[in-house]
Amino acid sequence: MLFLPLAAALAAGPALAKDDAIEPMKRKQLVIVSFDGAHDNKLWEKSRAMARRTGAHFTYFLSCTFLFSKDARANYQAPHEKRGRSNVGFSQDKDETILRLGEIWLAKLEGHDIGSHACGHFDGGKWSADDWKAEFAFFRDSLKNAWQNAGVGEREPAGWQHFAAQDINGFRAPYLSAGSGLVKALEAEGFTYDASLVTKGPAMPVASGDIVRFGLPLIPEGASQRPVIAMDYNLYVRHSKGKEAPEKSDAFEESTLKAYRDAFAKQYAGERIPLQLGFHFVEMNAGAYWRALDRFLTETCGRTDVACVSYAGALDILAKEKKAAGAAL
């Protein structure tokens, strides 16, 4: 695939990877939706149902401490942390873990992309490449042995081992905190993309060595049109300072939906740069942001030349478009 080198891209500003190989109006408008954490089983079901209803495919960035119960927490030690610590906790028990494994497998079968969100959701901004490698090794081992660790190895689906070894190709850093050691570790561990950057607006992905890097954009929102990262948590902090305000949930939903619509409309009528939206498996402000997402996808994904895709799907489409345009891969 043809992407700008990262250093050149960052120097170029918000239009850092403008691609003139394909006329904008002939390019598909990609909408890329992802979920960080991927733990609550009810929200696995809810998101998968949303995808079926709207025709979307998602990326789920999984935190691996949710693959084993808290009574086994001593098995995990994050770099520079005490053994058994996790900022996001662990699975409550083996029954919850088994249900989650089933949801992960169903999502995989339905064409969704499962990525890594590391394990204990620690800030790795100062981690070395070796620190990241240790975290990734624990992630892969946890996924590989998840059914056995849950005590139901006989229920492991055929194909799980291939999935665990070959199909986790994307990553997003907790807190979007990606230090200098991350890309080296991602390359060494065989990842193909990272989605930990933040860009001034929608931007084409950029290349850093063998890794394709995506960035959540800043988009205008609210009466002041102040930019905010296109992620539910950032809107939650903007709207209610990170505290639940259910009485304002409807207003927050409408403001969020308008921001999504406006950001989409600008690209759809313009350069058609992919629009990336990030979410968590938490329905903040009484579900305002998930409701806005549902409405946005319902009215958007079926439009002409629009594809609501995972990060893996976006990479495939971008590569095919470049090939069709005669660009070098």
C-alpha atoms as a PDB file:
ATOM      1  CA  MET A   1       0.000   0.000   0.000  1.00  0.00           C
ATOM      2  CA  LEU A   2       1.127   3.545  -0.678  1.00  0.00           C
ATOM      3  CA  PHE A   3       1.132   5.778   2.389  1.00  0.00           C
ATOM      4  CA  LEU A   4       3.238   8.781   3.329  1.00  0.00           C
ATOM      5  CA  PRO A   5       6.191   8.209   5.652  1.00  0.00           C
ATOM      6  CA  LEU A   6       5.196   9.269   9.163  1.00  0.00           C
ATOM      7  CA  ALA A   7       7.731  12.093   9.524  1.00  0.00           C
ATOM      8  CA  ALA A   8       6.679  13.691   6.245  1.00  0.00           C
ATOM      9  CA  ALA A   9       3.045  13.223   7.072  1.00  0.00           C
ATOM     10  CA  LEU A  10       3.246  14.911  10.451  1.00  0.00           C
ATOM     11  CA  ALA A  11       5.115  17.830   8.928  1.00  0.00           C
ATOM     12  CA  ALA A  12       2.385  18.294   6.357  1.00  0.00           C
ATOM     13  CA  GLY A  13      -0.406  19.201   8.791  1.00  0.00           C
ATOM     14  CA  PRO A  14      -4.021  18.053   8.730  1.00  0.00           C
ATOM     15  CA  ALA A  15      -3.990  17.241   5.011  1.00  0.00           C
ATOM     16  CA  LEU A  16      -0.964  15.128   5.746  1.00  0.00           C
ATOM     17  CA  ALA A  17      -1.710  12.239   3.410  1.00  0.00           C
ATOM     18  CA  LYS A  18      -3.733  13.747   0.613  1.00  0.00           C
ATOM     19  CA  ASP A  19      -4.029  11.149  -2.113  1.00  0.00           C
ATOM     20  CA  ASP A  20      -4.438  12.483  -5.631  1.00  0.00           C
ATOM     21  CA  ALA A  21      -4.206   9.058  -7.265  1.00  0.00           C
ATOM     22  CA  ILE A  22      -7.989   8.697  -7.111  1.00  0.00           C
ATOM     23  CA  GLU A  23     -10.493  11.457  -7.739  1.00  0.00           C
ATOM     24  CA  PRO A  24     -12.292  12.106  -4.426  1.00  0.00           C
ATOM     25  CA  MET A  25     -15.797  11.603  -5.835  1.00  0.00           C
ATOM     26  CA  LYS A  26     -14.766   8.200  -7.194  1.00  0.00           C
ATOM     27  CA  ARG A  27     -13.370   7.047  -3.854  1.00  0.00           C
ATOM     28  CA  LYS A  28     -15.597   5.274  -1.368  1.00  0.00           C
ATOM     29  CA  GLN A  29     -16.363   7.270   1.757  1.00  0.00           C
ATOM     30  CA  LEU A  30     -15.161   5.052   4.574  1.00  0.00           C
ATOM     31  CA  VAL A  31     -16.626   5.235   8.071  1.00  0.00           C
ATOM     32  CA  ILE A  32     -14.453   3.333  10.562  1.00  0.00           C
ATOM     33  CA  VAL A  33     -15.969   2.548  13.970  1.00  0.00           C
ATOM     34  CA  SER A  34     -14.053   0.933  16.809  1.00  0.00           C
ATOM     35  CA  PHE A  35     -14.663  -0.040  20.422  1.00  0.00           C
ATOM     36  CA  ASP A  36     -11.985  -0.049  23.125  1.00  0.00           C
ATOM     37  CA  GLY A  37     -11.996  -2.554  25.982  1.00  0.00           C
ATOM     38  CA  ALA A  38     -14.620  -4.923  24.558  1.00  0.00           C
ATOM     39  CA  HIS A  39     -15.649  -6.499  27.863  1.00  0.00           C
ATOM     40  CA  ASP A  40     -19.348  -6.111  28.774  1.00  0.00           C
ATOM     41  CA  ASN A  41     -21.126  -9.111  27.227  1.00  0.00           C
ATOM     42  CA  LYS A  42     -24.421  -7.229  26.872  1.00  0.00           C
ATOM     43  CA  LEU A  43     -22.650  -4.552  24.848  1.00  0.00           C
ATOM     44  CA  TRP A  44     -21.016  -7.201  22.683  1.00  0.00           C
ATOM     45  CA  GLU A  45     -24.534  -8.371  21.830  1.00  0.00           C
ATOM     46  CA  LYS A  46     -25.830  -4.824  21.399  1.00  0.00           C
ATOM     47  CA  SER A  47     -22.998  -3.735  19.105  1.00  0.00           C
ATOM     48  CA  ARG A  48     -23.220  -6.868  16.978  1.00  0.00           C
ATOM     49  CA  ALA A  49     -26.970  -6.315  16.590  1.00  0.00           C
ATOM     50  CA  MET A  50     -26.303  -2.696  15.585  1.00  0.00           C
ATOM     51  CA  ALA A  51     -23.845  -3.896  12.965  1.00  0.00           C
ATOM     52  CA  ARG A  52     -26.315  -6.397  11.495  1.00  0.00           C
ATOM     53  CA  ARG A  53     -29.062  -3.783  11.377  1.00  0.00           C
ATOM     54  CA  THR A  54     -26.948  -1.083   9.714  1.00  0.00           C
ATOM     55  CA  GLY A  55     -24.646  -3.187   7.547  1.00  0.00           C
ATOM     56  CA  ALA A  56     -21.534  -1.997   9.399  1.00  0.00           C
ATOM     57  CA  HIS A  57     -18.411  -3.875  10.459  1.00  0.00           C
ATOM     58  CA  PHE A  58     -16.452  -2.836  13.532  1.00  0.00           C
ATOM     59  CA  THR A  59     -13.022  -3.187  15.083  1.00  0.00           C
ATOM     60  CA  TYR A  60     -13.020  -4.378  18.684  1.00  0.00           C
ATOM     61  CA  PHE A  61      -9.816  -3.519  20.567  1.00  0.00           C
ATOM     62  CA  LEU A  62      -9.764  -6.145  23.314  1.00  0.00           C
ATOM     63  CA  SER A  63      -8.165  -5.738  26.742  1.00  0.00           C
ATOM     64  CA  CYS A  64      -6.845  -9.177  27.602  1.00  0.00           C
ATOM     65  CA  THR A  65      -7.370  -9.079  31.373  1.00  0.00           C
ATOM     66  CA  PHE A  66     -11.034  -9.688  30.575  1.00  0.00           C
ATOM     67  CA  LEU A  67     -10.085 -13.157  29.315  1.00  0.00           C
ATOM     68  CA  PHE A  68      -9.472 -14.598  32.767  1.00  0.00           C
ATOM     69  CA  SER A  69     -11.161 -14.208  36.131  1.00  0.00           C
ATOM     70  CA  LYS A  70      -9.963 -12.089  39.022  1.00  0.00           C
ATOM     71  CA  ASP A  71      -9.000 -15.147  41.048  1.00  0.00           C
ATOM     72  CA  ALA A  72      -6.240 -15.696  38.460  1.00  0.00           C
ATOM     73  CA  ARG A  73      -5.056 -12.078  38.494  1.00  0.00           C
ATOM     74  CA  ALA A  74      -1.633 -13.044  39.844  1.00  0.00           C
ATOM     75  CA  ASN A  75      -0.805 -14.488  36.424  1.00  0.00           C
ATOM     76  CA  TYR A  76      -0.554 -10.972  35.006  1.00  0.00           C
ATOM     77  CA  GLN A  77       2.176  -8.420  35.581  1.00  0.00           C
ATOM     78  CA  ALA A  78       2.302  -5.337  33.400  1.00  0.00           C
ATOM     79  CA  PRO A  79       5.665  -3.648  32.798  1.00  0.00           C
ATOM     80  CA  HIS A  80       6.744  -1.637  35.864  1.00  0.00           C
ATOM     81  CA  GLU A  81       3.546  -2.540  37.745  1.00  0.00           C
ATOM     82  CA  LYS A  82       2.816  -4.802  40.694  1.00  0.00           C
ATOM     83  CA  ARG A  83       1.730  -8.323  39.873  1.00  0.00           C
ATOM     84  CA  GLY A  84      -2.041  -8.722  39.636  1.00  0.00           C
ATOM     85  CA  ARG A  85      -2.784  -5.057  38.924  1.00  0.00           C
ATOM     86  CA  SER A  86      -5.102  -3.901  36.139  1.00  0.00           C
ATOM     87  CA  ASN A  87      -6.594  -0.462  35.574  1.00  0.00           C
ATOM     88  CA  VAL A  88      -9.725  -2.026  34.074  1.00  0.00           C
ATOM     89  CA  GLY A  89     -10.108  -5.079  36.285  1.00  0.00           C
ATOM     90  CA  PHE A  90     -10.627  -8.686  35.272  1.00  0.00           C
ATOM     91  CA  SER A  91     -13.499 -10.977  34.368  1.00  0.00           C
ATOM     92  CA  GLN A  92     -15.791 -11.588  37.338  1.00  0.00           C
ATOM     93  CA  ASP A  93     -15.738 -15.365  36.977  1.00  0.00           C
ATOM     94  CA  LYS A  94     -15.240 -18.158  34.461  1.00  0.00           C
ATOM     95  CA  ASP A  95     -18.877 -18.122  33.335  1.00  0.00           C
ATOM     96  CA  GLU A  96     -18.552 -14.478  32.303  1.00  0.00           C
ATOM     97  CA  THR A  97     -15.306 -15.275  30.515  1.00  0.00           C
ATOM     98  CA  ILE A  98     -16.885 -18.149  28.594  1.00  0.00           C
ATOM     99  CA  LEU A  99     -19.733 -15.910  27.421  1.00  0.00           C
ATOM    100  CA  ARG A 100     -17.206 -13.285  26.321  1.00  0.00           C
ATOM    101  CA  LEU A 101     -15.169 -15.816  24.370  1.00  0.00           C
ATOM    102  CA  GLY A 102     -18.340 -16.835  22.563  1.00  0.00           C
ATOM    103  CA  GLU A 103     -19.079 -13.210  21.689  1.00  0.00           C
ATOM    104  CA  ILE A 104     -15.554 -12.680  20.380  1.00  0.00           C
ATOM    105  CA  TRP A 105     -15.860 -15.747  18.168  1.00  0.00           C
ATOM    106  CA  LEU A 106     -19.284 -14.751  16.850  1.00  0.00           C
ATOM    107  CA  ALA A 107     -17.952 -11.275  16.025  1.00  0.00           C
ATOM    108  CA  LYS A 108     -15.051 -12.863  14.175  1.00  0.00           C
ATOM    109  CA  LEU A 109     -17.424 -15.106  12.187  1.00  0.00           C
ATOM    110  CA  GLU A 110     -19.593 -12.093  11.332  1.00  0.00           C
ATOM    111  CA  GLY A 111     -16.664 -10.341   9.704  1.00  0.00           C
ATOM    112  CA  HIS A 112     -15.612  -7.971  12.451  1.00  0.00           C
ATOM    113  CA  ASP A 113     -11.977  -7.166  13.191  1.00  0.00           C
ATOM    114  CA  ILE A 114     -10.549  -8.064  16.604  1.00  0.00           C
ATOM    115  CA  GLY A 115      -7.538  -5.996  17.628  1.00  0.00           C
ATOM    116  CA  SER A 116      -5.398  -5.630  20.721  1.00  0.00           C
ATOM    117  CA  HIS A 117      -5.850  -2.953  23.377  1.00  0.00           C
ATOM    118  CA  ALA A 118      -3.009  -4.500  25.395  1.00  0.00           C
ATOM    119  CA  CYS A 119      -4.045  -6.017  28.724  1.00  0.00           C
ATOM    120  CA  GLY A 120      -4.326  -3.977  31.914  1.00  0.00           C
ATOM    121  CA  HIS A 121      -4.898  -0.573  30.286  1.00  0.00           C
ATOM    122  CA  PHE A 122      -1.749   1.094  31.572  1.00  0.00           C
ATOM    123  CA  ASP A 123      -0.138   4.198  30.108  1.00  0.00           C
ATOM    124  CA  GLY A 124       2.719   2.854  28.012  1.00  0.00           C
ATOM    125  CA  GLY A 125       3.962   6.225  26.819  1.00  0.00           C
ATOM    126  CA  LYS A 126       7.336   5.626  28.467  1.00  0.00           C
ATOM    127  CA  TRP A 127       7.558   1.886  27.833  1.00  0.00           C
ATOM    128  CA  SER A 128      10.449   0.471  25.870  1.00  0.00           C
ATOM    129  CA  ALA A 129      10.018  -1.817  22.889  1.00  0.00           C
ATOM    130  CA  ASP A 130      10.812  -4.745  25.191  1.00  0.00           C
ATOM    131  CA  ASP A 131       8.095  -3.635  27.625  1.00  0.00           C
ATOM    132  CA  TRP A 132       5.544  -3.605  24.812  1.00  0.00           C
ATOM    133  CA  LYS A 133       6.746  -6.976  23.553  1.00  0.00           C
ATOM    134  CA  ALA A 134       6.175  -8.469  27.001  1.00  0.00           C
ATOM    135  CA  GLU A 135       2.649  -7.039  27.094  1.00  0.00           C
ATOM    136  CA  PHE A 136       1.892  -8.337  23.600  1.00  0.00           C
ATOM    137  CA  ALA A 137       3.251 -11.774  24.479  1.00  0.00           C
ATOM    138  CA  PHE A 138       0.913 -11.968  27.461  1.00  0.00           C
ATOM    139  CA  PHE A 139      -1.993 -10.831  25.277  1.00  0.00           C
ATOM    140  CA  ARG A 140      -1.370 -13.515  22.661  1.00  0.00           C
ATOM    141  CA  ASP A 141      -0.838 -16.229  25.261  1.00  0.00           C
ATOM    142  CA  SER A 142      -4.056 -15.230  27.035  1.00  0.00           C
ATOM    143  CA  LEU A 143      -6.023 -15.395  23.791  1.00  0.00           C
ATOM    144  CA  LYS A 144      -4.433 -18.659  22.669  1.00  0.00           C
ATOM    145  CA  ASN A 145      -5.187 -20.427  25.962  1.00  0.00           C
ATOM    146  CA  ALA A 146      -8.414 -18.627  26.834  1.00  0.00           C
ATOM    147  CA  TRP A 147     -10.755 -21.623  26.571  1.00  0.00           C
ATOM    148  CA  GLN A 148      -8.364 -23.863  28.471  1.00  0.00           C
ATOM    149  CA  ASN A 149      -7.878 -21.240  31.173  1.00  0.00           C
ATOM    150  CA  ALA A 150     -11.654 -20.976  31.532  1.00  0.00           C
ATOM    151  CA  GLY A 151     -11.847 -24.727  32.101  1.00  0.00           C
ATOM    152  CA  VAL A 152     -13.718 -25.505  28.889  1.00  0.00           C
ATOM    153  CA  GLY A 153     -10.988 -26.432  26.469  1.00  0.00           C
ATOM    154  CA  GLU A 154     -13.274 -28.978  24.850  1.00  0.00           C
ATOM    155  CA  ARG A 155     -15.558 -26.129  23.732  1.00  0.00           C
ATOM    156  CA  GLU A 156     -12.840 -24.237  21.867  1.00  0.00           C
ATOM    157  CA  PRO A 157     -14.058 -23.601  18.294  1.00  0.00           C
ATOM    158  CA  ALA A 158     -12.172 -25.100  15.389  1.00  0.00           C
ATOM    159  CA  GLY A 159     -10.066 -22.276  14.005  1.00  0.00           C
ATOM    160  CA  TRP A 160      -9.510 -20.498  17.319  1.00  0.00           C
ATOM    161  CA  GLN A 161      -5.786 -21.236  17.365  1.00  0.00           C
ATOM    162  CA  HIS A 162      -5.321 -19.803  13.863  1.00  0.00           C
ATOM    163  CA  PHE A 163      -7.362 -16.769  14.894  1.00  0.00           C
ATOM    164  CA  ALA A 164      -5.250 -16.208  18.022  1.00  0.00           C
ATOM    165  CA  ALA A 165      -1.970 -16.636  16.145  1.00  0.00           C
ATOM    166  CA  GLN A 166      -2.709 -14.898  12.837  1.00  0.00           C
ATOM    167  CA  ASP A 167      -5.737 -12.618  12.978  1.00  0.00           C
ATOM    168  CA  ILE A 168      -4.879 -10.039  15.654  1.00  0.00           C
ATOM    169  CA  ASN A 169      -3.178  -7.534  13.390  1.00  0.00           C
ATOM    170  CA  GLY A 170      -4.260  -4.168  14.772  1.00  0.00           C
ATOM    171  CA  PHE A 171      -3.588  -2.236  17.963  1.00  0.00           C
ATOM    172  CA  ARG A 172      -4.722   0.843  19.856  1.00  0.00           C
ATOM    173  CA  ALA A 173      -2.732   2.073  22.834  1.00  0.00           C
ATOM    174  CA  PRO A 174      -4.584   2.690  26.102  1.00  0.00           C
ATOM    175  CA  TYR A 175      -5.095   6.426  26.599  1.00  0.00           C
ATOM    176  CA  LEU A 176      -3.827   6.791  22.995  1.00  0.00           C
ATOM    177  CA  SER A 177      -0.415   6.973  24.657  1.00  0.00           C
ATOM    178  CA  ALA A 178       2.086   5.618  22.172  1.00  0.00           C
ATOM    179  CA  GLY A 179       5.718   6.205  23.052  1.00  0.00           C
ATOM    180  CA  SER A 180       8.846   5.719  20.984  1.00  0.00           C
ATOM    181  CA  GLY A 181       9.104   1.992  21.699  1.00  0.00           C
ATOM    182  CA  LEU A 182       5.674   1.089  20.374  1.00  0.00           C
ATOM    183  CA  VAL A 183       6.196   0.962  16.603  1.00  0.00           C
ATOM    184  CA  LYS A 184       9.341  -1.154  16.915  1.00  0.00           C
ATOM    185  CA  ALA A 185       7.439  -3.621  19.086  1.00  0.00           C
ATOM    186  CA  LEU A 186       4.453  -3.686  16.733  1.00  0.00           C
ATOM    187  CA  GLU A 187       6.724  -4.483  13.806  1.00  0.00           C
ATOM    188  CA  ALA A 188       8.540  -7.199  15.742  1.00  0.00           C
ATOM    189  CA  GLU A 189       5.251  -8.781  16.802  1.00  0.00           C
ATOM    190  CA  GLY A 190       3.806  -8.871  13.277  1.00  0.00           C
ATOM    191  CA  PHE A 191       1.097  -6.219  13.590  1.00  0.00           C
ATOM    192  CA  THR A 192       0.068  -4.425  10.407  1.00  0.00           C
ATOM    193  CA  TYR A 193      -1.691  -1.312  11.749  1.00  0.00           C
ATOM    194  CA  ASP A 194      -1.909   0.966  14.761  1.00  0.00           C
ATOM    195  CA  ALA A 195      -4.832   3.263  15.564  1.00  0.00           C
ATOM    196  CA  SER A 196      -3.322   5.306  18.390  1.00  0.00           C
ATOM    197  CA  LEU A 197      -2.729   8.664  16.704  1.00  0.00           C
ATOM    198  CA  VAL A 198      -4.831  11.837  16.920  1.00  0.00           C
ATOM    199  CA  THR A 199      -5.054  14.131  13.886  1.00  0.00           C
ATOM    200  CA  LYS A 200      -6.255  17.720  13.470  1.00  0.00           C
ATOM    201  CA  GLY A 201      -9.090  16.487  11.268  1.00  0.00           C
ATOM    202  CA  PRO A 202      -9.856  13.373   9.205  1.00  0.00           C
ATOM    203  CA  ALA A 203      -6.573  12.206   7.665  1.00  0.00           C
ATOM    204  CA  MET A 204      -5.385   9.376   5.487  1.00  0.00           C
ATOM    205  CA  PRO A 205      -3.334   6.711   7.285  1.00  0.00           C
ATOM    206  CA  VAL A 206       0.428   7.114   7.265  1.00  0.00           C
ATOM    207  CA  ALA A 207       3.285   4.611   7.143  1.00  0.00           C
ATOM    208  CA  SER A 208       5.847   4.160   9.881  1.00  0.00           C
ATOM    209  CA  GLY A 209       8.149   1.367   8.820  1.00  0.00           C
ATOM    210  CA  ASP A 210       5.981  -1.685   8.258  1.00  0.00           C
ATOM    211  CA  ILE A 211       3.086  -0.294  10.311  1.00  0.00           C
ATOM    212  CA  VAL A 212       0.168   1.678   8.881  1.00  0.00           C
ATOM    213  CA  ARG A 213      -0.972   4.244  11.439  1.00  0.00           C
ATOM    214  CA  PHE A 214      -4.463   5.691  11.748  1.00  0.00           C
ATOM    215  CA  GLY A 215      -5.523   8.672  13.847  1.00  0.00           C
ATOM    216  CA  LEU A 216      -8.807   9.589  15.503  1.00  0.00           C
ATOM    217  CA  PRO A 217      -9.668  13.060  14.200  1.00  0.00           C
ATOM    218  CA  LEU A 218     -10.573  16.246  15.970  1.00  0.00           C
ATOM    219  CA  ILE A 219     -14.058  17.254  14.803  1.00  0.00           C
ATOM    220  CA  PRO A 220     -16.093  20.416  15.540  1.00  0.00           C
ATOM    221  CA  GLU A 221     -18.885  19.925  18.095  1.00  0.00           C
ATOM    222  CA  GLY A 222     -21.493  21.935  19.938  1.00  0.00           C
ATOM    223  CA  ALA A 223     -22.601  25.547  19.673  1.00  0.00           C
ATOM    224  CA  SER A 224     -19.014  26.795  19.839  1.00  0.00           C
ATOM    225  CA  GLN A 225     -17.806  24.251  17.255  1.00  0.00           C
ATOM    226  CA  ARG A 226     -14.721  23.645  19.359  1.00  0.00           C
ATOM    227  CA  PRO A 227     -12.777  20.587  18.128  1.00  0.00           C
ATOM    228  CA  VAL A 228     -12.960  17.402  20.188  1.00  0.00           C
ATOM    229  CA  ILE A 229     -11.458  13.974  19.581  1.00  0.00           C
ATOM    230  CA  ALA A 230     -14.121  11.867  17.848  1.00  0.00           C
ATOM    231  CA  MET A 231     -14.427   9.451  20.754  1.00  0.00           C
ATOM    232  CA  ASP A 232     -17.233   8.946  23.243  1.00  0.00           C
ATOM    233  CA  TYR A 233     -15.055   9.470  26.328  1.00  0.00           C
ATOM    234  CA  ASN A 234     -13.809  12.836  25.083  1.00  0.00           C
ATOM    235  CA  LEU A 235     -17.373  13.937  24.414  1.00  0.00           C
ATOM    236  CA  TYR A 236     -18.329  12.698  27.883  1.00  0.00           C
ATOM    237  CA  VAL A 237     -15.644  14.887  29.436  1.00  0.00           C
ATOM    238  CA  ARG A 238     -16.635  17.822  27.210  1.00  0.00           C
ATOM    239  CA  HIS A 239     -20.339  17.511  28.001  1.00  0.00           C
ATOM    240  CA  SER A 240     -20.415  16.658  31.703  1.00  0.00           C
ATOM    241  CA  LYS A 241     -16.810  16.768  32.958  1.00  0.00           C
ATOM    242  CA  GLY A 242     -16.682  12.986  33.088  1.00  0.00           C
ATOM    243  CA  LYS A 243     -19.646  12.613  35.451  1.00  0.00           C
ATOM    244  CA  GLU A 244     -23.020  11.119  34.610  1.00  0.00           C
ATOM    245  CA  ALA A 245     -25.738  13.658  33.763  1.00  0.00           C
ATOM    246  CA  PRO A 246     -28.634  11.456  32.607  1.00  0.00           C
ATOM    247  CA  GLU A 247     -31.077  14.350  32.635  1.00  0.00           C
ATOM    248  CA  LYS A 248     -29.114  15.882  29.727  1.00  0.00           C
ATOM    249  CA  SER A 249     -28.637  12.637  27.830  1.00  0.00           C
ATOM    250  CA  ASP A 250     -30.965  13.557  24.962  1.00  0.00           C
ATOM    251  CA  ALA A 251     -29.251  16.910  24.434  1.00  0.00           C
ATOM    252  CA  PHE A 252     -25.826  15.248  24.431  1.00  0.00           C
ATOM    253  CA  GLU A 253     -27.070  12.700  21.914  1.00  0.00           C
ATOM    254  CA  GLU A 254     -28.313  15.381  19.524  1.00  0.00           C
ATOM    255  CA  SER A 255     -25.105  17.417  19.758  1.00  0.00           C
ATOM    256  CA  THR A 256     -23.011  14.301  19.137  1.00  0.00           C
ATOM    257  CA  LEU A 257     -25.126  13.186  16.200  1.00  0.00           C
ATOM    258  CA  LYS A 258     -24.856  16.620  14.599  1.00  0.00           C
ATOM    259  CA  ALA A 259     -21.064  16.538  14.987  1.00  0.00           C
ATOM    260  CA  TYR A 260     -20.920  13.119  13.302  1.00  0.00           C
ATOM    261  CA  ARG A 261     -23.240  14.205  10.507  1.00  0.00           C
ATOM    262  CA  ASP A 262     -21.290  17.395   9.835  1.00  0.00           C
ATOM    263  CA  ALA A 263     -17.915  15.639   9.845  1.00  0.00           C
ATOM    264  CA  PHE A 264     -19.251  13.005   7.469  1.00  0.00           C
ATOM    265  CA  ALA A 265     -20.932  15.516   5.136  1.00  0.00           C
ATOM    266  CA  LYS A 266     -17.720  17.527   4.777  1.00  0.00           C
ATOM    267  CA  GLN A 267     -15.783  14.475   3.612  1.00  0.00           C
ATOM    268  CA  TYR A 268     -18.573  12.936   1.545  1.00  0.00           C
ATOM    269  CA  ALA A 269     -18.872  16.120  -0.510  1.00  0.00           C
ATOM    270  CA  GLY A 270     -15.139  16.769  -0.481  1.00  0.00           C
ATOM    271  CA  GLU A 271     -11.957  14.725  -0.322  1.00  0.00           C
ATOM    272  CA  ARG A 272     -13.618  11.588   1.056  1.00  0.00           C
ATOM    273  CA  ILE A 273     -10.966  10.970   3.659  1.00  0.00           C
ATOM    274  CA  PRO A 274     -12.013   8.128   6.000  1.00  0.00           C
ATOM    275  CA  LEU A 275     -13.982   9.246   9.061  1.00  0.00           C
ATOM    276  CA  GLN A 276     -12.937   7.427  12.231  1.00  0.00           C
ATOM    277  CA  LEU A 277     -15.149   7.289  15.341  1.00  0.00           C
ATOM    278  CA  GLY A 278     -14.062   5.695  18.619  1.00  0.00           C
ATOM    279  CA  PHE A 279     -16.163   4.228  21.431  1.00  0.00           C
ATOM    280  CA  HIS A 280     -15.867   2.227  24.630  1.00  0.00           C
ATOM    281  CA  PHE A 281     -17.897  -0.620  26.075  1.00  0.00           C
ATOM    282  CA  VAL A 282     -19.492   1.826  28.520  1.00  0.00           C
ATOM    283  CA  GLU A 283     -22.739   3.673  27.794  1.00  0.00           C
ATOM    284  CA  MET A 284     -21.714   7.075  29.115  1.00  0.00           C
ATOM    285  CA  ASN A 285     -24.296   9.731  29.950  1.00  0.00           C
ATOM    286  CA  ALA A 286     -27.082   7.162  29.916  1.00  0.00           C
ATOM    287  CA  GLY A 287     -26.176   5.873  26.462  1.00  0.00           C
ATOM    288  CA  ALA A 288     -26.137   9.212  24.625  1.00  0.00           C
ATOM    289  CA  TYR A 289     -23.111   8.371  22.460  1.00  0.00           C
ATOM    290  CA  TRP A 290     -24.149   4.831  21.542  1.00  0.00           C
ATOM    291  CA  ARG A 291     -27.613   6.108  20.559  1.00  0.00           C
ATOM    292  CA  ALA A 292     -26.010   8.805  18.403  1.00  0.00           C
ATOM    293  CA  LEU A 293     -23.821   6.167  16.772  1.00  0.00           C
ATOM    294  CA  ASP A 294     -26.779   3.895  16.065  1.00  0.00           C
ATOM    295  CA  ARG A 295     -28.727   6.698  14.421  1.00  0.00           C
ATOM    296  CA  PHE A 296     -25.705   7.872  12.446  1.00  0.00           C
ATOM    297  CA  LEU A 297     -24.907   4.420  11.070  1.00  0.00           C
ATOM    298  CA  THR A 298     -28.569   3.732  10.293  1.00  0.00           C
ATOM    299  CA  GLU A 299     -28.813   6.804   8.059  1.00  0.00           C
ATOM    300  CA  THR A 300     -25.283   6.638   6.633  1.00  0.00           C
ATOM    301  CA  CYS A 301     -24.088   3.106   5.885  1.00  0.00           C
ATOM    302  CA  GLY A 302     -26.569   2.465   3.073  1.00  0.00           C
ATOM    303  CA  ARG A 303     -25.717   5.597   1.114  1.00  0.00           C
ATOM    304  CA  THR A 304     -24.099   5.471  -2.300  1.00  0.00           C
ATOM    305  CA  ASP A 305     -20.317   5.011  -2.239  1.00  0.00           C
ATOM    306  CA  VAL A 306     -20.249   4.640   1.556  1.00  0.00           C
ATOM    307  CA  ALA A 307     -18.663   1.704   3.369  1.00  0.00           C
ATOM    308  CA  CYS A 308     -18.913   1.349   7.157  1.00  0.00           C
ATOM    309  CA  VAL A 309     -15.924  -0.853   7.815  1.00  0.00           C
ATOM    310  CA  SER A 310     -13.392  -2.052  10.359  1.00  0.00           C
ATOM    311  CA  TYR A 311      -9.791  -0.914  10.249  1.00  0.00           C
ATOM    312  CA  ALA A 312      -8.850  -4.185   8.547  1.00  0.00           C
ATOM    313  CA  GLY A 313     -11.604  -3.636   5.992  1.00  0.00           C
ATOM    314  CA  ALA A 314     -10.447  -0.066   5.400  1.00  0.00           C
ATOM    315  CA  LEU A 315      -6.920  -1.249   4.639  1.00  0.00           C
ATOM    316  CA  ASP A 316      -8.261  -3.715   2.076  1.00  0.00           C
ATOM    317  CA  ILE A 317     -10.449  -1.100   0.364  1.00  0.00           C
ATOM    318  CA  LEU A 318      -7.683   1.512   0.265  1.00  0.00           C
ATOM    319  CA  ALA A 319      -5.309  -1.015  -1.283  1.00  0.00           C
ATOM    320  CA  LYS A 320      -7.846  -2.044  -3.936  1.00  0.00           C
ATOM    321  CA  GLU A 321      -8.621   1.565  -4.825  1.00  0.00           C
ATOM    322  CA  LYS A 322      -4.958   2.351  -5.295  1.00  0.00           C
ATOM    323  CA  LYS A 323      -4.496  -0.736  -7.434  1.00  0.00           C
ATOM    324  CA  ALA A 324      -7.497   0.183  -9.547  1.00  0.00           C
ATOM    325  CA  ALA A 325      -6.072   3.667 -10.011  1.00  0.00           C
ATOM    326  CA  GLY A 326      -2.807   2.222 -11.197  1.00  0.00           C
ATOM    327  CA  ALA A 327      -0.891   3.402  -8.126  1.00  0.00           C
ATOM    328  CA  ALA A 328       2.056   1.427  -6.826  1.00  0.00           C
ATOM    329  CA  LEU A 329       1.249  -0.921  -3.957  1.00  0.00           C
END
